[in-house]
């Protein structure tokens, strides 16, 4: 295989790894809103944890983006 073909395949795989991170962020935020909707007193303790969790999930997409542009 040519190096260009391998690079294109690698970039396609990287793009496919970025899609589940968007779905995971949406699922995480939806679950947090549902929990706050059921028990509004949780908002003060839950909100910082959700922000940290979203940042950790987003870091996976950022690593993939860096790898995409590195190739």
PDB file of N, CA and C in Angstrom:
ATOM      1  N   UNK A   1       0.836  -1.186   0.000  1.00  0.00           N
ATOM      2  CA  UNK A   1       0.000   0.000   0.000  1.00  0.00           C
ATOM      3  C   UNK A   1       0.877   1.246   0.000  1.00  0.00           C
ATOM      4  N   UNK A   2       0.360   2.250  -0.601  1.00  0.00           N
ATOM      5  CA  UNK A   2       1.072   3.515  -0.675  1.00  0.00           C
ATOM      6  C   UNK A   2       0.945   4.256   0.662  1.00  0.00           C
ATOM      7  N   UNK A   3       1.900   5.086   0.958  1.00  0.00           N
ATOM      8  CA  UNK A   3       1.897   5.836   2.215  1.00  0.00           C
ATOM      9  C   UNK A   3       0.699   6.785   2.278  1.00  0.00           C
ATOM     10  N   UNK A   4       0.332   7.362   1.149  1.00  0.00           N
ATOM     11  CA  UNK A   4      -0.820   8.273   1.128  1.00  0.00           C
ATOM     12  C   UNK A   4      -2.120   7.545   1.464  1.00  0.00           C
ATOM     13  N   UNK A   5      -2.254   6.325   0.974  1.00  0.00           N
ATOM     14  CA  UNK A   5      -3.462   5.538   1.260  1.00  0.00           C
ATOM     15  C   UNK A   5      -3.529   5.196   2.739  1.00  0.00           C
ATOM     16  N   UNK A   6      -2.407   4.828   3.316  1.00  0.00           N
ATOM     17  CA  UNK A   6      -2.361   4.504   4.736  1.00  0.00           C
ATOM     18  C   UNK A   6      -2.692   5.737   5.575  1.00  0.00           C
ATOM     19  N   UNK A   7      -2.206   6.898   5.154  1.00  0.00           N
ATOM     20  CA  UNK A   7      -2.506   8.142   5.865  1.00  0.00           C
ATOM     21  C   UNK A   7      -3.995   8.453   5.812  1.00  0.00           C
ATOM     22  N   UNK A   8      -4.610   8.266   4.658  1.00  0.00           N
ATOM     23  CA  UNK A   8      -6.040   8.523   4.525  1.00  0.00           C
ATOM     24  C   UNK A   8      -6.845   7.553   5.383  1.00  0.00           C
ATOM     25  N   UNK A   9      -6.454   6.295   5.419  1.00  0.00           N
ATOM     26  CA  UNK A   9      -7.151   5.313   6.260  1.00  0.00           C
ATOM     27  C   UNK A   9      -6.996   5.669   7.738  1.00  0.00           C
ATOM     28  N   UNK A  10      -5.802   6.089   8.129  1.00  0.00           N
ATOM     29  CA  UNK A  10      -5.565   6.475   9.523  1.00  0.00           C
ATOM     30  C   UNK A  10      -6.406   7.684   9.902  1.00  0.00           C
ATOM     31  N   UNK A  11      -6.509   8.654   8.998  1.00  0.00           N
ATOM     32  CA  UNK A  11      -7.330   9.833   9.278  1.00  0.00           C
ATOM     33  C   UNK A  11      -8.803   9.466   9.368  1.00  0.00           C
ATOM     34  N   UNK A  12      -9.247   8.524   8.558  1.00  0.00           N
ATOM     35  CA  UNK A  12     -10.644   8.073   8.630  1.00  0.00           C
ATOM     36  C   UNK A  12     -10.931   7.394   9.965  1.00  0.00           C
ATOM     37  N   UNK A  13      -9.988   6.589  10.426  1.00  0.00           N
ATOM     38  CA  UNK A  13     -10.167   5.930  11.726  1.00  0.00           C
ATOM     39  C   UNK A  13     -10.192   6.966  12.843  1.00  0.00           C
ATOM     40  N   UNK A  14      -9.362   7.974  12.753  1.00  0.00           N
ATOM     41  CA  UNK A  14      -9.343   9.033  13.765  1.00  0.00           C
ATOM     42  C   UNK A  14     -10.675   9.769  13.790  1.00  0.00           C
ATOM     43  N   UNK A  15     -11.216  10.069  12.609  1.00  0.00           N
ATOM     44  CA  UNK A  15     -12.514  10.746  12.552  1.00  0.00           C
ATOM     45  C   UNK A  15     -13.595   9.871  13.170  1.00  0.00           C
ATOM     46  N   UNK A  16     -13.531   8.570  12.930  1.00  0.00           N
ATOM     47  CA  UNK A  16     -14.521   7.661  13.520  1.00  0.00           C
ATOM     48  C   UNK A  16     -14.399   7.582  15.044  1.00  0.00           C
ATOM     49  N   UNK A  17     -13.220   7.845  15.581  1.00  0.00           N
ATOM     50  CA  UNK A  17     -13.087   7.854  17.041  1.00  0.00           C
ATOM     51  C   UNK A  17     -13.631   9.136  17.652  1.00  0.00           C
ATOM     52  N   UNK A  18     -13.755  10.174  16.839  1.00  0.00           N
ATOM     53  CA  UNK A  18     -14.279  11.439  17.366  1.00  0.00           C
ATOM     54  C   UNK A  18     -15.806  11.411  17.483  1.00  0.00           C
ATOM     55  N   UNK A  19     -16.473  10.615  16.695  1.00  0.00           N
ATOM     56  CA  UNK A  19     -17.939  10.565  16.734  1.00  0.00           C
ATOM     57  C   UNK A  19     -18.484  10.037  18.066  1.00  0.00           C
ATOM     58  N   UNK A  20     -17.949   8.954  18.617  1.00  0.00           N
ATOM     59  CA  UNK A  20     -18.483   8.494  19.910  1.00  0.00           C
ATOM     60  C   UNK A  20     -18.250   9.470  21.056  1.00  0.00           C
ATOM     61  N   UNK A  21     -17.225  10.300  20.952  1.00  0.00           N
ATOM     62  CA  UNK A  21     -17.007  11.263  22.032  1.00  0.00           C
ATOM     63  C   UNK A  21     -18.114  12.306  22.064  1.00  0.00           C
ATOM     64  N   UNK A  22     -18.605  12.701  20.896  1.00  0.00           N
ATOM     65  CA  UNK A  22     -19.727  13.642  20.857  1.00  0.00           C
ATOM     66  C   UNK A  22     -20.985  12.996  21.435  1.00  0.00           C
ATOM     67  N   UNK A  23     -21.203  11.736  21.112  1.00  0.00           N
ATOM     68  CA  UNK A  23     -22.356  11.026  21.663  1.00  0.00           C
ATOM     69  C   UNK A  23     -22.221  10.844  23.174  1.00  0.00           C
ATOM     70  N   UNK A  24     -21.014  10.587  23.635  1.00  0.00           N
ATOM     71  CA  UNK A  24     -20.796  10.421  25.076  1.00  0.00           C
ATOM     72  C   UNK A  24     -21.030  11.727  25.828  1.00  0.00           C
ATOM     73  N   UNK A  25     -20.608  12.830  25.241  1.00  0.00           N
ATOM     74  CA  UNK A  25     -20.858  14.132  25.877  1.00  0.00           C
ATOM     75  C   UNK A  25     -22.351  14.411  25.972  1.00  0.00           C
ATOM     76  N   UNK A  26     -23.063  14.139  24.898  1.00  0.00           N
ATOM     77  CA  UNK A  26     -24.513  14.369  24.898  1.00  0.00           C
ATOM     78  C   UNK A  26     -25.201  13.476  25.918  1.00  0.00           C
ATOM     79  N   UNK A  27     -24.778  12.209  26.004  1.00  0.00           N
ATOM     80  CA  UNK A  27     -25.381  11.284  26.960  1.00  0.00           C
ATOM     81  C   UNK A  27     -25.097  11.723  28.396  1.00  0.00           C
ATOM     82  N   UNK A  28     -23.891  12.193  28.643  1.00  0.00           N
ATOM     83  CA  UNK A  28     -23.498  12.632  29.966  1.00  0.00           C
ATOM     84  C   UNK A  28     -24.296  13.855  30.414  1.00  0.00           C
ATOM     85  N   UNK A  29     -24.427  14.814  29.533  1.00  0.00           N
ATOM     86  CA  UNK A  29     -25.173  16.028  29.874  1.00  0.00           C
ATOM     87  C   UNK A  29     -26.660  15.726  30.039  1.00  0.00           C
ATOM     88  N   UNK A  30     -27.200  14.846  29.180  1.00  0.00           N
ATOM     89  CA  UNK A  30     -28.607  14.467  29.299  1.00  0.00           C
ATOM     90  C   UNK A  30     -28.868  13.789  30.644  1.00  0.00           C
ATOM     91  N   UNK A  31     -27.989  12.895  31.040  1.00  0.00           N
ATOM     92  CA  UNK A  31     -28.148  12.210  32.317  1.00  0.00           C
ATOM     93  C   UNK A  31     -28.057  13.183  33.488  1.00  0.00           C
ATOM     94  N   UNK A  32     -27.169  14.162  33.371  1.00  0.00           N
ATOM     95  CA  UNK A  32     -27.044  15.162  34.439  1.00  0.00           C
ATOM     96  C   UNK A  32     -28.310  16.004  34.547  1.00  0.00           C
ATOM     97  N   UNK A  33     -28.855  16.426  33.405  1.00  0.00           N
ATOM     98  CA  UNK A  33     -30.086  17.216  33.438  1.00  0.00           C
ATOM     99  C   UNK A  33     -31.251  16.403  33.987  1.00  0.00           C
ATOM    100  N   UNK A  34     -31.295  15.124  33.666  1.00  0.00           N
ATOM    101  CA  UNK A  34     -32.358  14.279  34.218  1.00  0.00           C
ATOM    102  C   UNK A  34     -32.218  14.153  35.727  1.00  0.00           C
ATOM    103  N   UNK A  35     -30.997  14.000  36.199  1.00  0.00           N
ATOM    104  CA  UNK A  35     -30.775  13.885  37.642  1.00  0.00           C
ATOM    105  C   UNK A  35     -31.141  15.188  38.353  1.00  0.00           C
ATOM    106  N   UNK A  36     -30.788  16.304  37.760  1.00  0.00           N
ATOM    107  CA  UNK A  36     -31.142  17.600  38.357  1.00  0.00           C
ATOM    108  C   UNK A  36     -32.645  17.812  38.304  1.00  0.00           C
ATOM    109  N   UNK A  37     -33.273  17.342  37.227  1.00  0.00           N
ATOM    110  CA  UNK A  37     -34.723  17.460  37.126  1.00  0.00           C
ATOM    111  C   UNK A  37     -35.446  16.651  38.188  1.00  0.00           C
ATOM    112  N   UNK A  38     -34.896  15.489  38.529  1.00  0.00           N
ATOM    113  CA  UNK A  38     -35.512  14.655  39.567  1.00  0.00           C
ATOM    114  C   UNK A  38     -35.253  15.188  40.963  1.00  0.00           C
ATOM    115  N   UNK A  39     -34.053  15.751  41.155  1.00  0.00           N
ATOM    116  CA  UNK A  39     -33.697  16.255  42.478  1.00  0.00           C
ATOM    117  C   UNK A  39     -32.922  17.566  42.314  1.00  0.00           C
ATOM    118  N   UNK A  40     -33.614  18.705  42.319  1.00  0.00           N
ATOM    119  CA  UNK A  40     -32.943  19.995  42.079  1.00  0.00           C
ATOM    120  C   UNK A  40     -31.882  20.357  43.117  1.00  0.00           C
ATOM    121  N   UNK A  41     -31.935  19.756  44.286  1.00  0.00           N
ATOM    122  CA  UNK A  41     -30.926  20.067  45.305  1.00  0.00           C
ATOM    123  C   UNK A  41     -29.545  19.542  44.926  1.00  0.00           C
ATOM    124  N   UNK A  42     -29.483  18.629  43.981  1.00  0.00           N
ATOM    125  CA  UNK A  42     -28.203  18.066  43.546  1.00  0.00           C
ATOM    126  C   UNK A  42     -27.405  19.002  42.646  1.00  0.00           C
ATOM    127  N   UNK A  43     -28.025  20.069  42.196  1.00  0.00           N
ATOM    128  CA  UNK A  43     -27.378  20.921  41.193  1.00  0.00           C
ATOM    129  C   UNK A  43     -26.030  21.446  41.663  1.00  0.00           C
ATOM    130  N   UNK A  44     -25.941  21.893  42.895  1.00  0.00           N
ATOM    131  CA  UNK A  44     -24.692  22.475  43.385  1.00  0.00           C
ATOM    132  C   UNK A  44     -23.556  21.455  43.445  1.00  0.00           C
ATOM    133  N   UNK A  45     -23.878  20.214  43.786  1.00  0.00           N
ATOM    134  CA  UNK A  45     -22.816  19.202  43.887  1.00  0.00           C
ATOM    135  C   UNK A  45     -22.584  18.482  42.568  1.00  0.00           C
ATOM    136  N   UNK A  46     -23.594  18.411  41.734  1.00  0.00           N
ATOM    137  CA  UNK A  46     -23.475  17.664  40.493  1.00  0.00           C
ATOM    138  C   UNK A  46     -22.813  18.473  39.381  1.00  0.00           C
ATOM    139  N   UNK A  47     -23.063  19.760  39.338  1.00  0.00           N
ATOM    140  CA  UNK A  47     -22.578  20.591  38.237  1.00  0.00           C
ATOM    141  C   UNK A  47     -21.053  20.558  38.081  1.00  0.00           C
ATOM    142  N   UNK A  48     -20.256  20.729  39.134  1.00  0.00           N
ATOM    143  CA  UNK A  48     -18.793  20.656  38.944  1.00  0.00           C
ATOM    144  C   UNK A  48     -18.326  19.280  38.469  1.00  0.00           C
ATOM    145  N   UNK A  49     -18.976  18.241  38.928  1.00  0.00           N
ATOM    146  CA  UNK A  49     -18.598  16.887  38.496  1.00  0.00           C
ATOM    147  C   UNK A  49     -18.909  16.682  37.025  1.00  0.00           C
ATOM    148  N   UNK A  50     -20.019  17.247  36.575  1.00  0.00           N
ATOM    149  CA  UNK A  50     -20.386  17.120  35.167  1.00  0.00           C
ATOM    150  C   UNK A  50     -19.402  17.890  34.298  1.00  0.00           C
ATOM    151  N   UNK A  51     -19.016  19.062  34.717  1.00  0.00           N
ATOM    152  CA  UNK A  51     -18.055  19.854  33.950  1.00  0.00           C
ATOM    153  C   UNK A  51     -16.724  19.114  33.824  1.00  0.00           C
ATOM    154  N   UNK A  52     -16.253  18.523  34.900  1.00  0.00           N
ATOM    155  CA  UNK A  52     -15.007  17.762  34.861  1.00  0.00           C
ATOM    156  C   UNK A  52     -15.154  16.541  33.955  1.00  0.00           C
ATOM    157  N   UNK A  53     -16.281  15.867  34.047  1.00  0.00           N
ATOM    158  CA  UNK A  53     -16.505  14.682  33.216  1.00  0.00           C
ATOM    159  C   UNK A  53     -16.561  15.042  31.741  1.00  0.00           C
ATOM    160  N   UNK A  54     -17.239  16.127  31.405  1.00  0.00           N
ATOM    161  CA  UNK A  54     -17.306  16.557  30.009  1.00  0.00           C
ATOM    162  C   UNK A  54     -15.910  16.945  29.511  1.00  0.00           C
ATOM    163  N   UNK A  55     -15.129  17.574  30.353  1.00  0.00           N
ATOM    164  CA  UNK A  55     -13.764  17.942  29.959  1.00  0.00           C
ATOM    165  C   UNK A  55     -12.915  16.703  29.694  1.00  0.00           C
ATOM    166  N   UNK A  56     -13.084  15.666  30.502  1.00  0.00           N
ATOM    167  CA  UNK A  56     -12.332  14.432  30.276  1.00  0.00           C
ATOM    168  C   UNK A  56     -12.754  13.746  28.988  1.00  0.00           C
ATOM    169  N   UNK A  57     -14.039  13.740  28.711  1.00  0.00           N
ATOM    170  CA  UNK A  57     -14.516  13.136  27.469  1.00  0.00           C
ATOM    171  C   UNK A  57     -14.038  13.958  26.272  1.00  0.00           C
ATOM    172  N   UNK A  58     -14.076  15.265  26.401  1.00  0.00           N
ATOM    173  CA  UNK A  58     -13.643  16.142  25.318  1.00  0.00           C
ATOM    174  C   UNK A  58     -12.150  16.005  25.057  1.00  0.00           C
ATOM    175  N   UNK A  59     -11.377  15.681  26.082  1.00  0.00           N
ATOM    176  CA  UNK A  59      -9.935  15.540  25.874  1.00  0.00           C
ATOM    177  C   UNK A  59      -9.628  14.401  24.902  1.00  0.00           C
ATOM    178  N   UNK A  60     -10.454  13.377  24.878  1.00  0.00           N
ATOM    179  CA  UNK A  60     -10.260  12.293  23.910  1.00  0.00           C
ATOM    180  C   UNK A  60     -10.399  12.815  22.486  1.00  0.00           C
ATOM    181  N   UNK A  61     -11.398  13.656  22.259  1.00  0.00           N
ATOM    182  CA  UNK A  61     -11.575  14.241  20.934  1.00  0.00           C
ATOM    183  C   UNK A  61     -10.427  15.183  20.589  1.00  0.00           C
ATOM    184  N   UNK A  62      -9.922  15.888  21.569  1.00  0.00           N
ATOM    185  CA  UNK A  62      -8.793  16.793  21.315  1.00  0.00           C
ATOM    186  C   UNK A  62      -7.545  15.997  20.955  1.00  0.00           C
ATOM    187  N   UNK A  63      -7.310  14.883  21.654  1.00  0.00           N
ATOM    188  CA  UNK A  63      -6.169  14.034  21.303  1.00  0.00           C
ATOM    189  C   UNK A  63      -6.315  13.499  19.889  1.00  0.00           C
ATOM    190  N   UNK A  64      -7.520  13.111  19.515  1.00  0.00           N
ATOM    191  CA  UNK A  64      -7.752  12.617  18.160  1.00  0.00           C
ATOM    192  C   UNK A  64      -7.524  13.719  17.130  1.00  0.00           C
ATOM    193  N   UNK A  65      -7.953  14.937  17.457  1.00  0.00           N
ATOM    194  CA  UNK A  65      -7.746  16.065  16.542  1.00  0.00           C
ATOM    195  C   UNK A  65      -6.262  16.363  16.362  1.00  0.00           C
ATOM    196  N   UNK A  66      -5.505  16.314  17.439  1.00  0.00           N
ATOM    197  CA  UNK A  66      -4.057  16.524  17.346  1.00  0.00           C
ATOM    198  C   UNK A  66      -3.412  15.422  16.505  1.00  0.00           C
ATOM    199  N   UNK A  67      -3.837  14.185  16.714  1.00  0.00           N
ATOM    200  CA  UNK A  67      -3.292  13.073  15.915  1.00  0.00           C
ATOM    201  C   UNK A  67      -3.665  13.227  14.446  1.00  0.00           C
ATOM    202  N   UNK A  68      -4.875  13.733  14.185  1.00  0.00           N
ATOM    203  CA  UNK A  68      -5.322  13.944  12.806  1.00  0.00           C
ATOM    204  C   UNK A  68      -4.400  14.926  12.084  1.00  0.00           C
ATOM    205  N   UNK A  69      -4.094  16.036  12.735  1.00  0.00           N
ATOM    206  CA  UNK A  69      -3.261  17.044  12.087  1.00  0.00           C
ATOM    207  C   UNK A  69      -1.769  16.693  12.136  1.00  0.00           C
ATOM    208  N   UNK A  70      -1.401  15.741  12.971  1.00  0.00           N
ATOM    209  CA  UNK A  70      -0.009  15.306  13.018  1.00  0.00           C
ATOM    210  C   UNK A  70       0.322  14.415  11.812  1.00  0.00           C
ATOM    211  N   UNK A  71      -0.680  13.684  11.356  1.00  0.00           N
ATOM    212  CA  UNK A  71      -0.427  12.777  10.220  1.00  0.00           C
ATOM    213  C   UNK A  71      -0.192  13.517   8.946  1.00  0.00           C
TER     214      UNK A  71
END
